[in-house]
Amino acid sequence: MPPVAARPRRHRPAPVIGLLLVLAAAPACSSAPEPGPRGPAAGPGATAPAATEGGAEDASSFWVDPDSETARQVTAWEATGRYADAQVLRRIADRPVALWGRPGDPGPAIRRARAAAKASGRTLVLAAHNIPHRDCGQLPAGGAVDARAYRGWIGAFADAVGDARALVVLEPHAVAHVVDGCVRDGHRAERLRLLSEAVDRLKKNRNTKVYLDAGDPGWIRDPADLAGPLREAGLDRADGFALNVSGFQPDAAVRAYGAELSRVVGGRHFVVDTGRNGAGPLPGDREVASCNPPGRALGTPPTDRTGDPLVDAYLWVKRPGESDGTCRGGPAAGTWWPEQALGLARRARDVP
């Protein structure tokens, strides 16, 4: 998916909850990498998480891809003797990470994952990110060429999921960009209509849960601003909303923001992306701080046992280790960056 997009924001007084969020950073976008095989047991000097069929420590019902880019890197490093680094990287490889639907035909990759997830009795985590005029048209250009193409794409996405148990984060950043003003007036109504149709199409699958993305608390400071657009986008027929996708906001700030947004949209539940928020946001200008920020860490491991009645799951939606773009020496947006992944994993405080 595309790198961090500069997002024009309306400047208005923040509500009380904004006091918790002074250091907030805007999210980045990413695309899913090609998968690869997982390597053998690591060598001395590392502590392994207790992996099971469902992933490290079996902390959730979500499917772990044994063929992920991260797992491939583990294999490569073990083959060259980097055993300790390979074992640290298993903090990502042995956990469930979202599969992002590909542009063009999303079906083959989703069907492969669906078959494996069904065979293991696990839930597939997916992200759909192909709305027209995606990320305000900033480079790299992406998204379906028009409404008709998007309807065909989301239909193929839903068909590929079928009757498998699945959790879909629908169109990261699409609603927040409506609110912050970077979606042109002529595209606003179409975008919300397409999102609403996408919710209905995905919910035809009896085992699919859908969470409409709602940005993060450092982006749209007043959650009430999201209520109307989320409802127009089909929130009342979805299972809830998603927060902090590709972002760095700490759990406590996101939960507080999510609780306030839930209150103004009738008590809807939400999921949180914790893939890179273990050290919080990088201080400084939000646009600069959100692109490959140094010193960040993995956050709460993916789980559907959150201890919060409003939070249905902590997820790793943005795939840890993918570049946000060529900033700070990174490769192109969405490209696997093993040293960044290693840093995220090494600095994780609460990820065994």
Protein backbone atom coordinates (compact mmCIF):
# COMPACT_ATOMS: atom_id res chain seq x y z
CA MET A 1 0.00 0.00 0.00
CA PRO A 2 1.13 3.62 -0.40
CA PRO A 3 3.53 5.38 1.97
CA VAL A 4 2.60 8.07 4.45
CA ALA A 5 0.39 10.65 2.83
CA ALA A 6 0.46 14.27 3.98
CA ARG A 7 -2.97 14.88 5.41
CA PRO A 8 -4.42 18.37 5.60
CA ARG A 9 -6.20 18.80 8.90
CA ARG A 10 -8.80 21.21 10.16
CA HIS A 11 -7.58 23.11 13.19
CA ARG A 12 -10.14 23.18 15.93
CA PRO A 13 -10.08 22.90 19.71
CA ALA A 14 -9.65 19.34 20.88
CA PRO A 15 -11.98 17.81 23.47
CA VAL A 16 -10.74 16.82 26.91
CA ILE A 17 -9.56 13.48 25.60
CA GLY A 18 -7.12 15.33 23.36
CA LEU A 19 -4.99 16.12 26.43
CA LEU A 20 -3.92 12.48 26.41
CA LEU A 21 -2.74 12.68 22.84
CA VAL A 22 -0.29 15.57 22.54
CA LEU A 23 2.44 13.37 21.17
CA ALA A 24 0.24 11.58 18.64
CA ALA A 25 1.59 10.67 15.23
CA ALA A 26 -0.30 10.16 11.95
CA PRO A 27 -0.42 6.65 10.47
CA ALA A 28 1.42 5.22 7.53
CA CYS A 29 0.11 2.85 4.88
CA SER A 30 1.59 -0.34 3.59
CA SER A 31 1.07 -3.28 1.32
CA ALA A 32 1.34 -6.94 2.13
CA PRO A 33 4.53 -8.76 1.08
CA GLU A 34 4.86 -12.02 -0.74
CA PRO A 35 5.06 -15.00 1.61
CA GLY A 36 7.92 -17.48 2.14
CA PRO A 37 8.74 -20.54 4.28
CA ARG A 38 9.60 -20.51 7.97
CA GLY A 39 13.03 -21.61 9.13
CA PRO A 40 14.29 -24.19 11.65
CA ALA A 41 14.88 -23.74 15.36
CA ALA A 42 17.27 -20.94 16.26
CA GLY A 43 20.69 -21.35 17.74
CA PRO A 44 22.07 -20.38 21.15
CA GLY A 45 21.60 -17.05 22.84
CA ALA A 46 17.89 -16.54 22.12
CA THR A 47 14.66 -17.23 23.95
CA ALA A 48 11.93 -18.70 21.80
CA PRO A 49 8.22 -17.90 22.24
CA ALA A 50 6.11 -20.97 22.83
CA ALA A 51 4.77 -21.35 19.30
CA THR A 52 1.73 -23.46 18.58
CA GLU A 53 -0.41 -24.20 15.55
CA GLY A 54 -2.11 -20.85 16.02
CA GLY A 55 1.08 -18.85 16.63
CA ALA A 56 3.30 -17.72 19.48
CA GLU A 57 1.80 -18.56 22.87
CA ASP A 58 -1.52 -19.35 21.16
CA ALA A 59 -2.83 -15.99 22.40
CA SER A 60 -5.61 -15.62 19.87
CA SER A 61 -7.85 -17.44 17.44
CA PHE A 62 -6.17 -15.78 14.43
CA TRP A 63 -4.30 -17.61 11.69
CA VAL A 64 -0.51 -17.28 11.46
CA ASP A 65 0.95 -17.47 7.96
CA PRO A 66 3.85 -19.95 8.11
CA ASP A 67 4.90 -18.70 4.68
CA SER A 68 5.22 -14.97 5.44
CA GLU A 69 8.02 -12.65 4.36
CA THR A 70 9.16 -12.52 7.98
CA ALA A 71 9.32 -16.30 8.18
CA ARG A 72 11.35 -16.35 4.98
CA GLN A 73 13.80 -13.92 6.56
CA VAL A 74 14.14 -16.16 9.61
CA THR A 75 15.11 -19.01 7.30
CA ALA A 76 17.62 -16.87 5.42
CA TRP A 77 19.30 -15.58 8.57
CA GLU A 78 19.55 -19.03 10.09
CA ALA A 79 21.13 -20.28 6.88
CA THR A 80 23.87 -17.66 7.25
CA GLY A 81 24.39 -18.16 10.98
CA ARG A 82 22.43 -15.16 12.30
CA TYR A 83 20.67 -17.39 14.81
CA ALA A 84 20.09 -14.82 17.56
CA ASP A 85 18.65 -12.26 15.15
CA ALA A 86 16.50 -14.92 13.53
CA GLN A 87 15.07 -15.89 16.89
CA VAL A 88 14.26 -12.27 17.75
CA LEU A 89 12.50 -11.93 14.40
CA ARG A 90 10.24 -14.85 15.34
CA ARG A 91 8.46 -12.35 17.59
CA ILE A 92 6.84 -11.27 14.31
CA ALA A 93 7.02 -14.45 12.22
CA ASP A 94 5.20 -16.58 14.80
CA ARG A 95 2.26 -14.18 15.17
CA PRO A 96 -0.80 -13.39 13.05
CA VAL A 97 -0.46 -10.39 10.74
CA ALA A 98 -3.13 -9.08 8.36
CA LEU A 99 -3.15 -10.09 4.71
CA TRP A 100 -3.83 -7.04 2.52
CA GLY A 101 -5.95 -7.63 -0.57
CA ARG A 102 -3.91 -7.12 -3.72
CA PRO A 103 -4.81 -4.65 -6.45
CA GLY A 104 -5.99 -6.30 -9.62
CA ASP A 105 -7.28 -9.69 -8.53
CA PRO A 106 -7.19 -10.19 -4.74
CA GLY A 107 -8.64 -13.69 -5.04
CA PRO A 108 -5.65 -16.06 -5.37
CA ALA A 109 -3.77 -14.88 -2.29
CA ILE A 110 -6.92 -14.77 -0.16
CA ARG A 111 -8.04 -18.22 -1.29
CA ARG A 112 -4.64 -19.69 -0.40
CA ALA A 113 -4.79 -18.13 3.06
CA ARG A 114 -8.45 -19.09 3.49
CA ALA A 115 -7.70 -22.76 2.86
CA ALA A 116 -4.88 -22.80 5.41
CA ALA A 117 -6.87 -20.86 8.00
CA LYS A 118 -9.89 -23.16 7.63
CA ALA A 119 -7.69 -26.25 7.91
CA SER A 120 -6.28 -24.98 11.21
CA GLY A 121 -9.63 -23.79 12.56
CA ARG A 122 -8.40 -20.22 12.79
CA THR A 123 -9.76 -16.79 11.80
CA LEU A 124 -8.24 -15.02 8.81
CA VAL A 125 -7.33 -11.33 9.35
CA LEU A 126 -7.58 -9.20 6.20
CA ALA A 127 -7.35 -5.57 5.14
CA ALA A 128 -9.19 -4.19 2.10
CA HIS A 129 -7.43 -1.07 0.77
CA ASN A 130 -8.34 -0.22 -2.82
CA ILE A 131 -10.88 2.61 -2.65
CA PRO A 132 -10.75 5.05 -5.61
CA HIS A 133 -8.61 8.16 -4.99
CA ARG A 134 -6.94 6.30 -2.14
CA ASP A 135 -4.85 8.41 0.25
CA CYS A 136 -5.86 11.58 -1.60
CA GLY A 137 -4.09 10.50 -4.77
CA GLN A 138 -0.61 10.98 -3.33
CA LEU A 139 2.26 8.87 -4.61
CA PRO A 140 2.49 6.05 -5.14
CA ALA A 141 -0.83 6.22 -6.90
CA GLY A 142 -3.22 3.45 -5.98
CA GLY A 143 -6.79 2.38 -5.66
CA ALA A 144 -9.41 1.26 -8.11
CA VAL A 145 -9.76 3.47 -11.17
CA ASP A 146 -13.43 4.18 -10.57
CA ALA A 147 -16.53 3.08 -8.65
CA ARG A 148 -17.35 0.26 -11.04
CA ALA A 149 -13.85 -1.17 -10.76
CA TYR A 150 -14.02 -0.97 -6.97
CA ARG A 151 -17.33 -2.81 -6.84
CA GLY A 152 -15.80 -5.58 -8.92
CA TRP A 153 -12.69 -5.68 -6.72
CA ILE A 154 -14.52 -5.84 -3.39
CA GLY A 155 -16.81 -8.50 -4.87
CA ALA A 156 -13.80 -10.63 -5.81
CA PHE A 157 -12.35 -10.03 -2.34
CA ALA A 158 -15.56 -11.16 -0.65
CA ASP A 159 -15.98 -14.15 -2.97
CA ALA A 160 -12.46 -15.31 -2.12
CA VAL A 161 -13.20 -15.15 1.62
CA GLY A 162 -16.34 -17.22 1.21
CA ASP A 163 -17.56 -19.01 4.32
CA ALA A 164 -14.23 -18.90 6.16
CA ARG A 165 -14.06 -17.18 9.55
CA ALA A 166 -12.59 -13.78 8.72
CA LEU A 167 -12.05 -10.33 10.22
CA VAL A 168 -11.77 -7.54 7.65
CA VAL A 169 -10.45 -4.04 8.34
CA LEU A 170 -12.20 -2.04 5.64
CA GLU A 171 -10.29 0.69 3.80
CA PRO A 172 -7.67 2.13 6.15
CA HIS A 173 -7.78 5.94 6.21
CA ALA A 174 -10.75 6.25 3.83
CA VAL A 175 -13.22 7.78 6.32
CA ALA A 176 -10.65 9.91 8.14
CA HIS A 177 -9.63 11.46 4.81
CA VAL A 178 -13.25 12.42 4.26
CA VAL A 179 -13.25 14.18 7.63
CA ASP A 180 -9.88 15.93 7.32
CA GLY A 181 -10.89 17.50 4.01
CA CYS A 182 -8.41 15.94 1.61
CA VAL A 183 -11.15 14.10 -0.30
CA ARG A 184 -12.62 16.48 -2.85
CA ASP A 185 -16.28 17.33 -2.48
CA GLY A 186 -17.09 15.56 -5.73
CA HIS A 187 -15.69 12.29 -4.39
CA ARG A 188 -17.02 12.42 -0.83
CA ALA A 189 -20.53 11.05 -1.44
CA GLU A 190 -19.23 8.38 -3.81
CA ARG A 191 -16.63 7.20 -1.31
CA LEU A 192 -19.10 6.83 1.54
CA ARG A 193 -21.58 5.06 -0.73
CA LEU A 194 -18.89 2.61 -1.91
CA LEU A 195 -17.87 1.89 1.67
CA SER A 196 -21.48 1.26 2.63
CA GLU A 197 -21.89 -1.12 -0.31
CA ALA A 198 -18.64 -2.87 0.64
CA VAL A 199 -19.92 -3.46 4.17
CA ASP A 200 -23.08 -5.03 2.77
CA ARG A 201 -21.18 -7.20 0.31
CA LEU A 202 -18.72 -8.48 2.90
CA LYS A 203 -21.49 -9.12 5.45
CA LYS A 204 -23.20 -11.46 3.01
CA ASN A 205 -20.47 -13.88 4.06
CA ARG A 206 -21.95 -15.42 7.19
CA ASN A 207 -18.63 -15.75 9.03
CA THR A 208 -17.07 -12.39 8.13
CA LYS A 209 -16.70 -9.56 10.63
CA VAL A 210 -16.16 -6.06 9.24
CA TYR A 211 -14.54 -3.09 10.98
CA LEU A 212 -14.58 0.28 9.21
CA ASP A 213 -11.34 2.14 9.67
CA ALA A 214 -11.62 5.37 11.67
CA GLY A 215 -8.06 6.72 11.68
CA ASP A 216 -6.39 7.47 14.99
CA PRO A 217 -6.65 9.99 17.84
CA GLY A 218 -3.69 12.07 16.66
CA TRP A 219 -5.36 12.64 13.31
CA ILE A 220 -9.03 13.48 13.89
CA ARG A 221 -8.85 15.01 17.34
CA ASP A 222 -12.59 15.10 18.05
CA PRO A 223 -14.13 11.64 17.64
CA ALA A 224 -17.58 13.18 17.19
CA ASP A 225 -16.42 14.43 13.78
CA LEU A 226 -16.25 10.82 12.61
CA ALA A 227 -19.72 9.78 13.72
CA GLY A 228 -21.71 11.02 10.72
CA PRO A 229 -19.32 9.81 8.01
CA LEU A 230 -18.94 6.42 9.68
CA ARG A 231 -22.70 5.97 9.74
CA GLU A 232 -22.94 7.00 6.07
CA ALA A 233 -20.23 4.43 5.37
CA GLY A 234 -22.34 1.63 6.85
CA LEU A 235 -21.10 1.43 10.44
CA ASP A 236 -24.54 0.45 11.73
CA ARG A 237 -24.37 -2.73 9.63
CA ALA A 238 -20.69 -3.44 10.29
CA ASP A 239 -19.30 -5.11 13.40
CA GLY A 240 -17.51 -1.97 14.55
CA PHE A 241 -14.60 0.31 13.68
CA ALA A 242 -10.80 0.04 13.60
CA LEU A 243 -8.25 2.45 15.07
CA ASN A 244 -4.52 3.17 14.78
CA VAL A 245 -4.00 1.23 11.55
CA SER A 246 -0.35 1.80 10.56
CA GLY A 247 -0.08 4.16 13.52
CA PHE A 248 1.98 4.53 16.67
CA GLN A 249 -0.54 5.70 19.26
CA PRO A 250 -0.16 3.90 22.62
CA ASP A 251 -2.86 1.51 23.73
CA ALA A 252 -4.20 3.66 26.56
CA ALA A 253 -4.71 6.70 24.34
CA VAL A 254 -6.39 4.62 21.62
CA ARG A 255 -8.70 2.88 24.08
CA ALA A 256 -9.77 6.21 25.57
CA TYR A 257 -10.42 7.67 22.13
CA GLY A 258 -12.21 4.53 21.01
CA ALA A 259 -14.46 4.59 24.06
CA GLU A 260 -15.46 8.16 23.29
CA LEU A 261 -16.11 7.37 19.63
CA SER A 262 -18.08 4.30 20.65
CA ARG A 263 -20.23 6.48 22.90
CA VAL A 264 -21.20 8.81 20.05
CA VAL A 265 -21.95 5.96 17.60
CA GLY A 266 -24.22 3.91 19.81
CA GLY A 267 -21.79 1.70 21.69
CA ARG A 268 -20.08 0.04 18.73
CA HIS A 269 -17.01 -2.11 19.45
CA PHE A 270 -13.58 -1.61 17.88
CA VAL A 271 -10.23 -3.24 17.09
CA VAL A 272 -6.79 -1.66 17.49
CA ASP A 273 -3.62 -1.99 15.39
CA THR A 274 -0.76 -2.49 17.87
CA GLY A 275 1.91 -3.63 15.42
CA ARG A 276 4.27 -0.66 15.91
CA ASN A 277 2.98 1.24 18.94
CA GLY A 278 5.10 -0.33 21.69
CA ALA A 279 7.21 2.82 22.12
CA GLY A 280 4.48 5.30 21.21
CA PRO A 281 4.83 7.98 18.52
CA LEU A 282 8.06 9.76 17.67
CA PRO A 283 7.95 13.35 18.98
CA GLY A 284 7.97 16.16 16.47
CA ASP A 285 6.09 17.10 13.33
CA ARG A 286 3.46 14.44 12.74
CA GLU A 287 4.03 14.13 9.01
CA VAL A 288 7.77 13.62 9.43
CA ALA A 289 7.43 11.46 12.56
CA SER A 290 5.10 8.96 10.90
CA CYS A 291 7.44 7.82 8.10
CA ASN A 292 9.84 5.04 9.16
CA PRO A 293 10.34 6.60 12.59
CA PRO A 294 13.43 5.26 14.38
CA GLY A 295 13.31 3.66 17.80
CA ARG A 296 9.80 2.25 17.54
CA ALA A 297 8.78 -1.18 18.88
CA LEU A 298 6.22 -3.92 18.48
CA GLY A 299 3.16 -3.41 20.64
CA THR A 300 0.66 -5.73 22.29
CA PRO A 301 0.69 -9.10 20.49
CA PRO A 302 -2.43 -9.89 18.44
CA THR A 303 -5.18 -11.32 20.59
CA ASP A 304 -8.94 -11.45 20.90
CA ARG A 305 -8.62 -11.58 24.69
CA THR A 306 -8.31 -7.87 25.40
CA GLY A 307 -9.83 -7.49 28.85
CA ASP A 308 -11.78 -4.46 27.55
CA PRO A 309 -15.47 -5.00 26.76
CA LEU A 310 -15.33 -2.52 23.87
CA VAL A 311 -12.10 -3.79 22.29
CA ASP A 312 -12.76 -6.92 20.24
CA ALA A 313 -9.11 -7.49 19.33
CA TYR A 314 -5.60 -6.16 19.23
CA LEU A 315 -4.26 -6.81 15.72
CA TRP A 316 -1.10 -6.30 13.70
CA VAL A 317 -2.74 -4.81 10.62
CA LYS A 318 0.19 -2.84 9.22
CA ARG A 319 2.73 -5.59 8.63
CA PRO A 320 5.72 -4.91 10.94
CA GLY A 321 8.89 -4.56 8.91
CA GLU A 322 7.39 -2.99 5.79
CA SER A 323 8.78 0.37 4.76
CA ASP A 324 6.60 3.47 4.84
CA GLY A 325 8.56 4.91 1.92
CA THR A 326 12.00 6.15 0.97
CA CYS A 327 12.24 8.46 3.98
CA ARG A 328 15.09 7.82 6.44
CA GLY A 329 16.86 5.54 4.00
CA GLY A 330 13.98 3.11 3.60
CA PRO A 331 13.09 1.19 0.44
CA ALA A 332 9.93 1.88 -1.54
CA ALA A 333 6.65 1.87 0.35
CA GLY A 334 5.39 -1.60 1.18
CA THR A 335 8.82 -3.20 0.63
CA TRP A 336 10.06 -5.68 3.22
CA TRP A 337 12.84 -4.08 5.29
CA PRO A 338 14.40 -6.76 7.52
CA GLU A 339 16.57 -4.48 9.64
CA GLN A 340 13.58 -2.31 10.50
CA ALA A 341 11.64 -5.43 11.46
CA LEU A 342 14.52 -6.59 13.63
CA GLY A 343 14.59 -3.25 15.43
CA LEU A 344 10.86 -3.34 16.11
CA ALA A 345 11.16 -6.86 17.51
CA ARG A 346 14.32 -6.22 19.53
CA ARG A 347 12.88 -3.16 21.26
CA ALA A 348 9.56 -4.83 22.16
CA ARG A 349 9.13 -4.78 25.92
CA ASP A 350 6.06 -6.96 26.36
CA VAL A 351 6.46 -9.38 23.47
CA PRO A 352 8.20 -12.61 24.51
